[in-house]
PDB file of N, CA and C in Angstrom:
ATOM      1  N   MET A   1      -5.849 -16.122  10.299  1.00  0.00           N
ATOM      2  CA  MET A   1      -4.223 -15.696   9.568  1.00  0.00           C
ATOM      3  C   MET A   1      -3.644 -15.258  11.116  1.00  0.00           C
ATOM      4  N   PRO A   2      -2.127 -15.007  11.040  1.00  0.00           N
ATOM      5  CA  PRO A   2      -1.537 -14.808  12.564  1.00  0.00           C
ATOM      6  C   PRO A   2      -1.732 -13.102  13.292  1.00  0.00           C
ATOM      7  N   ARG A   3      -2.138 -13.099  13.988  1.00  0.00           N
ATOM      8  CA  ARG A   3      -1.978 -11.443  14.242  1.00  0.00           C
ATOM      9  C   ARG A   3      -0.969 -11.383  14.079  1.00  0.00           C
ATOM     10  N   GLU A   4       0.572 -12.316  14.397  1.00  0.00           N
ATOM     11  CA  GLU A   4       1.989 -11.181  14.599  1.00  0.00           C
ATOM     12  C   GLU A   4       2.403 -12.416  14.205  1.00  0.00           C
ATOM     13  N   ILE A   5       3.954 -11.988  13.728  1.00  0.00           N
ATOM     14  CA  ILE A   5       4.914 -13.307  12.866  1.00  0.00           C
ATOM     15  C   ILE A   5       5.510 -12.692  13.819  1.00  0.00           C
ATOM     16  N   ALA A   6       6.377 -14.029  14.154  1.00  0.00           N
ATOM     17  CA  ALA A   6       8.138 -13.769  14.824  1.00  0.00           C
ATOM     18  C   ALA A   6       9.070 -13.583  13.797  1.00  0.00           C
ATOM     19  N   PHE A   7       9.972 -12.821  13.518  1.00  0.00           N
ATOM     20  CA  PHE A   7      10.998 -12.419  12.627  1.00  0.00           C
ATOM     21  C   PHE A   7      12.021 -11.986  13.774  1.00  0.00           C
ATOM     22  N   LEU A   8      13.349 -12.823  13.326  1.00  0.00           N
ATOM     23  CA  LEU A   8      14.657 -12.399  14.791  1.00  0.00           C
ATOM     24  C   LEU A   8      14.074 -12.654  16.230  1.00  0.00           C
ATOM     25  N   ASP A   9      13.566 -12.732  16.193  1.00  0.00           N
ATOM     26  CA  ASP A   9      12.968 -13.132  17.878  1.00  0.00           C
ATOM     27  C   ASP A   9      11.919 -11.918  18.042  1.00  0.00           C
ATOM     28  N   ALA A  10      11.691 -11.163  16.895  1.00  0.00           N
ATOM     29  CA  ALA A  10      10.450  -9.779  17.051  1.00  0.00           C
ATOM     30  C   ALA A  10       9.223 -10.215  17.146  1.00  0.00           C
ATOM     31  N   LEU A  11       7.852  -9.901  17.279  1.00  0.00           N
ATOM     32  CA  LEU A  11       7.025 -10.553  16.768  1.00  0.00           C
ATOM     33  C   LEU A  11       7.304  -8.498  15.891  1.00  0.00           C
ATOM     34  N   ILE A  12       6.451  -9.214  14.740  1.00  0.00           N
ATOM     35  CA  ILE A  12       6.124  -8.287  13.863  1.00  0.00           C
ATOM     36  C   ILE A  12       4.688  -8.255  13.829  1.00  0.00           C
ATOM     37  N   PRO A  13       3.945  -7.382  13.773  1.00  0.00           N
ATOM     38  CA  PRO A  13       1.971  -6.949  13.747  1.00  0.00           C
ATOM     39  C   PRO A  13       2.156  -7.291  12.003  1.00  0.00           C
ATOM     40  N   THR A  14       0.823  -8.289  10.864  1.00  0.00           N
ATOM     41  CA  THR A  14       0.519  -8.776  10.242  1.00  0.00           C
ATOM     42  C   THR A  14       0.447  -7.792   9.589  1.00  0.00           C
ATOM     43  N   LEU A  15      -0.336  -6.647   9.943  1.00  0.00           N
ATOM     44  CA  LEU A  15      -0.206  -5.042   9.664  1.00  0.00           C
ATOM     45  C   LEU A  15       0.612  -4.465   9.268  1.00  0.00           C
ATOM     46  N   LEU A  16       1.885  -4.876   9.391  1.00  0.00           N
ATOM     47  CA  LEU A  16       2.612  -4.250   9.079  1.00  0.00           C
ATOM     48  C   LEU A  16       3.271  -4.673   8.117  1.00  0.00           C
ATOM     49  N   LEU A  17       3.392  -5.693   8.104  1.00  0.00           N
ATOM     50  CA  LEU A  17       4.222  -6.531   6.707  1.00  0.00           C
ATOM     51  C   LEU A  17       3.109  -6.275   5.401  1.00  0.00           C
ATOM     52  N   VAL A  18       1.923  -5.983   5.777  1.00  0.00           N
ATOM     53  CA  VAL A  18       0.620  -5.675   4.288  1.00  0.00           C
ATOM     54  C   VAL A  18       1.537  -3.900   4.495  1.00  0.00           C
ATOM     55  N   PHE A  19       1.417  -2.775   5.453  1.00  0.00           N
ATOM     56  CA  PHE A  19       1.163  -1.761   5.276  1.00  0.00           C
ATOM     57  C   PHE A  19       3.244  -1.757   4.139  1.00  0.00           C
ATOM     58  N   VAL A  20       3.995  -2.771   4.510  1.00  0.00           N
ATOM     59  CA  VAL A  20       5.565  -1.856   3.788  1.00  0.00           C
ATOM     60  C   VAL A  20       5.145  -3.402   2.254  1.00  0.00           C
ATOM     61  N   GLY A  21       3.807  -3.951   2.269  1.00  0.00           N
ATOM     62  CA  GLY A  21       4.030  -4.655   0.689  1.00  0.00           C
ATOM     63  C   GLY A  21       3.626  -2.988  -0.207  1.00  0.00           C
ATOM     64  N   CYS A  22       2.305  -2.938   0.958  1.00  0.00           N
ATOM     65  CA  CYS A  22       1.103  -1.722  -0.069  1.00  0.00           C
ATOM     66  C   CYS A  22       2.440  -0.706  -0.605  1.00  0.00           C
ATOM     67  N   VAL A  23       3.094  -0.218   0.189  1.00  0.00           N
ATOM     68  CA  VAL A  23       3.983   1.432  -0.275  1.00  0.00           C
ATOM     69  C   VAL A  23       5.104   0.513  -1.604  1.00  0.00           C
ATOM     70  N   ILE A  24       5.528  -0.558  -1.200  1.00  0.00           N
ATOM     71  CA  ILE A  24       6.435  -1.244  -2.565  1.00  0.00           C
ATOM     72  C   ILE A  24       5.039  -0.937  -3.446  1.00  0.00           C
ATOM     73  N   LEU A  25       3.834  -1.409  -3.311  1.00  0.00           N
ATOM     74  CA  LEU A  25       2.847  -1.450  -4.626  1.00  0.00           C
ATOM     75  C   LEU A  25       2.777  -0.513  -5.454  1.00  0.00           C
ATOM     76  N   GLN A  26       2.714   0.328  -4.260  1.00  0.00           N
ATOM     77  CA  GLN A  26       2.314   2.601  -4.885  1.00  0.00           C
ATOM     78  C   GLN A  26       3.470   2.194  -5.217  1.00  0.00           C
ATOM     79  N   PHE A  27       4.859   1.842  -4.807  1.00  0.00           N
ATOM     80  CA  PHE A  27       6.006   3.016  -5.692  1.00  0.00           C
ATOM     81  C   PHE A  27       5.269   2.823  -7.022  1.00  0.00           C
ATOM     82  N   GLY A  28       5.470   1.185  -7.312  1.00  0.00           N
ATOM     83  CA  GLY A  28       4.958   0.599  -8.743  1.00  0.00           C
ATOM     84  C   GLY A  28       4.223   1.382  -9.578  1.00  0.00           C
ATOM     85  N   ILE A  29       3.076   1.136  -9.441  1.00  0.00           N
ATOM     86  CA  ILE A  29       1.705   2.294  -9.456  1.00  0.00           C
ATOM     87  C   ILE A  29       2.462   3.418  -9.576  1.00  0.00           C
ATOM     88  N   ASP A  30       3.275   4.248  -9.168  1.00  0.00           N
ATOM     89  CA  ASP A  30       3.487   5.678  -9.153  1.00  0.00           C
ATOM     90  C   ASP A  30       4.053   6.091 -10.222  1.00  0.00           C
ATOM     91  N   TRP A  31       4.978   5.009 -10.753  1.00  0.00           N
ATOM     92  CA  TRP A  31       5.869   4.587 -11.144  1.00  0.00           C
ATOM     93  C   TRP A  31       5.885   4.596 -12.514  1.00  0.00           C
ATOM     94  N   LEU A  32       4.245   3.564 -13.046  1.00  0.00           N
ATOM     95  CA  LEU A  32       3.793   3.262 -14.173  1.00  0.00           C
ATOM     96  C   LEU A  32       2.973   4.636 -14.253  1.00  0.00           C
ATOM     97  N   LEU A  33       2.766   5.686 -13.406  1.00  0.00           N
ATOM     98  CA  LEU A  33       1.583   6.429 -14.113  1.00  0.00           C
ATOM     99  C   LEU A  33       2.850   7.176 -14.093  1.00  0.00           C
ATOM    100  N   SER A  34       3.437   7.786 -13.611  1.00  0.00           N
ATOM    101  CA  SER A  34       4.036   9.017 -14.551  1.00  0.00           C
ATOM    102  C   SER A  34       4.983   8.412 -15.074  1.00  0.00           C
ATOM    103  N   ARG A  35       5.151   7.010 -15.414  1.00  0.00           N
ATOM    104  CA  ARG A  35       5.775   6.926 -16.902  1.00  0.00           C
ATOM    105  C   ARG A  35       4.948   7.347 -17.937  1.00  0.00           C
ATOM    106  N   LEU A  36       3.772   6.740 -17.804  1.00  0.00           N
ATOM    107  CA  LEU A  36       2.663   6.701 -19.167  1.00  0.00           C
ATOM    108  C   LEU A  36       2.416   8.567 -19.129  1.00  0.00           C
ATOM    109  N   ARG A  37       2.697   8.677 -18.183  1.00  0.00           N
ATOM    110  CA  ARG A  37       2.813  10.541 -18.419  1.00  0.00           C
ATOM    111  C   ARG A  37       1.044  10.389 -17.692  1.00  0.00           C
ATOM    112  N   LEU A  38       0.182  10.533 -16.950  1.00  0.00           N
ATOM    113  CA  LEU A  38      -1.462  10.507 -16.426  1.00  0.00           C
ATOM    114  C   LEU A  38      -1.549  11.194 -15.937  1.00  0.00           C
ATOM    115  N   TYR A  39      -0.155  11.585 -14.531  1.00  0.00           N
ATOM    116  CA  TYR A  39      -0.522  12.712 -13.773  1.00  0.00           C
ATOM    117  C   TYR A  39      -0.881  13.652 -14.553  1.00  0.00           C
ATOM    118  N   ARG A  40      -1.016  14.359 -15.459  1.00  0.00           N
ATOM    119  CA  ARG A  40      -1.188  15.453 -16.661  1.00  0.00           C
ATOM    120  C   ARG A  40      -2.631  15.668 -16.342  1.00  0.00           C
ATOM    121  N   TYR A  41      -3.267  14.417 -16.168  1.00  0.00           N
ATOM    122  CA  TYR A  41      -4.309  14.352 -16.242  1.00  0.00           C
ATOM    123  C   TYR A  41      -5.402  14.727 -14.637  1.00  0.00           C
ATOM    124  N   VAL A  42      -4.626  14.719 -13.708  1.00  0.00           N
ATOM    125  CA  VAL A  42      -5.391  14.791 -12.391  1.00  0.00           C
ATOM    126  C   VAL A  42      -4.624  16.065 -11.599  1.00  0.00           C
ATOM    127  N   TRP A  43      -5.533  16.701 -10.624  1.00  0.00           N
ATOM    128  CA  TRP A  43      -5.458  17.839 -10.644  1.00  0.00           C
ATOM    129  C   TRP A  43      -4.751  18.171  -9.594  1.00  0.00           C
ATOM    130  N   HIS A  44      -4.504  17.272  -8.543  1.00  0.00           N
ATOM    131  CA  HIS A  44      -3.434  17.728  -7.083  1.00  0.00           C
ATOM    132  C   HIS A  44      -3.002  16.180  -7.040  1.00  0.00           C
ATOM    133  N   PRO A  45      -1.534  15.799  -7.559  1.00  0.00           N
ATOM    134  CA  PRO A  45      -1.190  14.696  -7.940  1.00  0.00           C
ATOM    135  C   PRO A  45      -0.664  14.051  -6.436  1.00  0.00           C
ATOM    136  N   SER A  46      -0.388  15.120  -5.431  1.00  0.00           N
ATOM    137  CA  SER A  46      -0.029  14.300  -4.159  1.00  0.00           C
ATOM    138  C   SER A  46      -1.100  13.758  -3.510  1.00  0.00           C
ATOM    139  N   LEU A  47      -1.758  13.960  -3.895  1.00  0.00           N
ATOM    140  CA  LEU A  47      -2.889  14.487  -3.259  1.00  0.00           C
ATOM    141  C   LEU A  47      -3.465  12.283  -4.153  1.00  0.00           C
ATOM    142  N   PHE A  48      -3.751  12.933  -4.950  1.00  0.00           N
ATOM    143  CA  PHE A  48      -4.102  11.983  -5.862  1.00  0.00           C
ATOM    144  C   PHE A  48      -3.058  10.356  -4.924  1.00  0.00           C
ATOM    145  N   ARG A  49      -2.264  10.715  -5.018  1.00  0.00           N
ATOM    146  CA  ARG A  49      -1.049   9.531  -4.483  1.00  0.00           C
ATOM    147  C   ARG A  49      -1.425   8.979  -2.934  1.00  0.00           C
ATOM    148  N   ILE A  50      -1.527  10.033  -2.145  1.00  0.00           N
ATOM    149  CA  ILE A  50      -1.418   9.531  -0.796  1.00  0.00           C
ATOM    150  C   ILE A  50      -3.296   8.689  -1.037  1.00  0.00           C
ATOM    151  N   ALA A  51      -4.300   9.463  -1.509  1.00  0.00           N
ATOM    152  CA  ALA A  51      -5.875   9.165  -1.644  1.00  0.00           C
ATOM    153  C   ALA A  51      -5.655   7.340  -2.143  1.00  0.00           C
ATOM    154  N   LEU A  52      -4.447   7.311  -3.049  1.00  0.00           N
ATOM    155  CA  LEU A  52      -4.362   5.791  -4.032  1.00  0.00           C
ATOM    156  C   LEU A  52      -3.809   5.427  -3.091  1.00  0.00           C
ATOM    157  N   PHE A  53      -2.388   5.690  -2.471  1.00  0.00           N
ATOM    158  CA  PHE A  53      -2.050   4.451  -1.290  1.00  0.00           C
ATOM    159  C   PHE A  53      -3.271   4.304  -0.007  1.00  0.00           C
ATOM    160  N   PHE A  54      -4.132   5.027   0.564  1.00  0.00           N
ATOM    161  CA  PHE A  54      -4.664   4.163   1.567  1.00  0.00           C
ATOM    162  C   PHE A  54      -6.004   3.561   0.764  1.00  0.00           C
ATOM    163  N   CYS A  55      -6.486   3.992  -0.140  1.00  0.00           N
ATOM    164  CA  CYS A  55      -7.226   2.908  -0.773  1.00  0.00           C
ATOM    165  C   CYS A  55      -6.637   1.727  -0.974  1.00  0.00           C
ATOM    166  N   ILE A  56      -5.574   1.629  -1.349  1.00  0.00           N
ATOM    167  CA  ILE A  56      -4.806   0.175  -1.707  1.00  0.00           C
ATOM    168  C   ILE A  56      -4.518  -0.597  -0.258  1.00  0.00           C
ATOM    169  N   PHE A  57      -4.224   0.605   0.832  1.00  0.00           N
ATOM    170  CA  PHE A  57      -4.364  -0.287   2.109  1.00  0.00           C
ATOM    171  C   PHE A  57      -4.984  -0.711   3.213  1.00  0.00           C
ATOM    172  N   SER A  58      -5.937   0.386   2.931  1.00  0.00           N
ATOM    173  CA  SER A  58      -7.526   0.055   2.967  1.00  0.00           C
ATOM    174  C   SER A  58      -7.552  -1.448   2.134  1.00  0.00           C
ATOM    175  N   GLY A  59      -7.626  -1.899   1.251  1.00  0.00           N
ATOM    176  CA  GLY A  59      -8.024  -2.888   0.998  1.00  0.00           C
ATOM    177  C   GLY A  59      -7.686  -4.512   1.104  1.00  0.00           C
ATOM    178  N   ALA A  60      -6.578  -3.748   1.413  1.00  0.00           N
ATOM    179  CA  ALA A  60      -5.376  -5.099   1.776  1.00  0.00           C
ATOM    180  C   ALA A  60      -5.569  -5.252   3.039  1.00  0.00           C
ATOM    181  N   GLY A  61      -6.216  -4.566   4.193  1.00  0.00           N
ATOM    182  CA  GLY A  61      -6.375  -4.582   5.474  1.00  0.00           C
ATOM    183  C   GLY A  61      -7.838  -5.105   5.388  1.00  0.00           C
ATOM    184  N   LEU A  62      -8.514  -4.786   4.695  1.00  0.00           N
ATOM    185  CA  LEU A  62      -9.975  -5.337   5.065  1.00  0.00           C
ATOM    186  C   LEU A  62      -9.943  -7.031   4.085  1.00  0.00           C
ATOM    187  N   LEU A  63      -9.606  -7.571   3.037  1.00  0.00           N
ATOM    188  CA  LEU A  63      -9.484  -8.273   2.888  1.00  0.00           C
ATOM    189  C   LEU A  63      -7.822  -9.681   3.776  1.00  0.00           C
ATOM    190  N   LEU A  64      -7.268  -8.752   4.690  1.00  0.00           N
ATOM    191  CA  LEU A  64      -6.397  -9.201   5.446  1.00  0.00           C
ATOM    192  C   LEU A  64      -6.973 -10.090   6.856  1.00  0.00           C
ATOM    193  N   HIS A  65      -8.166  -9.593   7.241  1.00  0.00           N
ATOM    194  CA  HIS A  65      -9.155  -9.940   8.329  1.00  0.00           C
ATOM    195  C   HIS A  65     -10.599 -10.085   8.129  1.00  0.00           C
ATOM    196  N   ALA A  66     -10.695 -10.178   6.725  1.00  0.00           N
ATOM    197  CA  ALA A  66     -11.961 -11.239   5.957  1.00  0.00           C
ATOM    198  C   ALA A  66     -11.012 -12.633   5.879  1.00  0.00           C
ATOM    199  N   ALA A  67      -9.680 -13.085   5.738  1.00  0.00           N
ATOM    200  CA  ALA A  67      -9.332 -14.168   5.400  1.00  0.00           C
ATOM    201  C   ALA A  67      -9.244 -15.054   6.454  1.00  0.00           C
TER     202      ALA A  67
END
């Protein structure tokens, strides 16, 4: 996996693209969980959201560097 990707003559780190993808995935998961009203069972919803994002991003980052 390349460490940087050229986009419009700018080198963008691959991890930035993974970050943007994880943010989009987080929005989707957040929408689904709020739609199903599962946040009623969570003690601190904003803390849960940020912890879930860190889990998704760290998992994707580890998969990126393992490949």
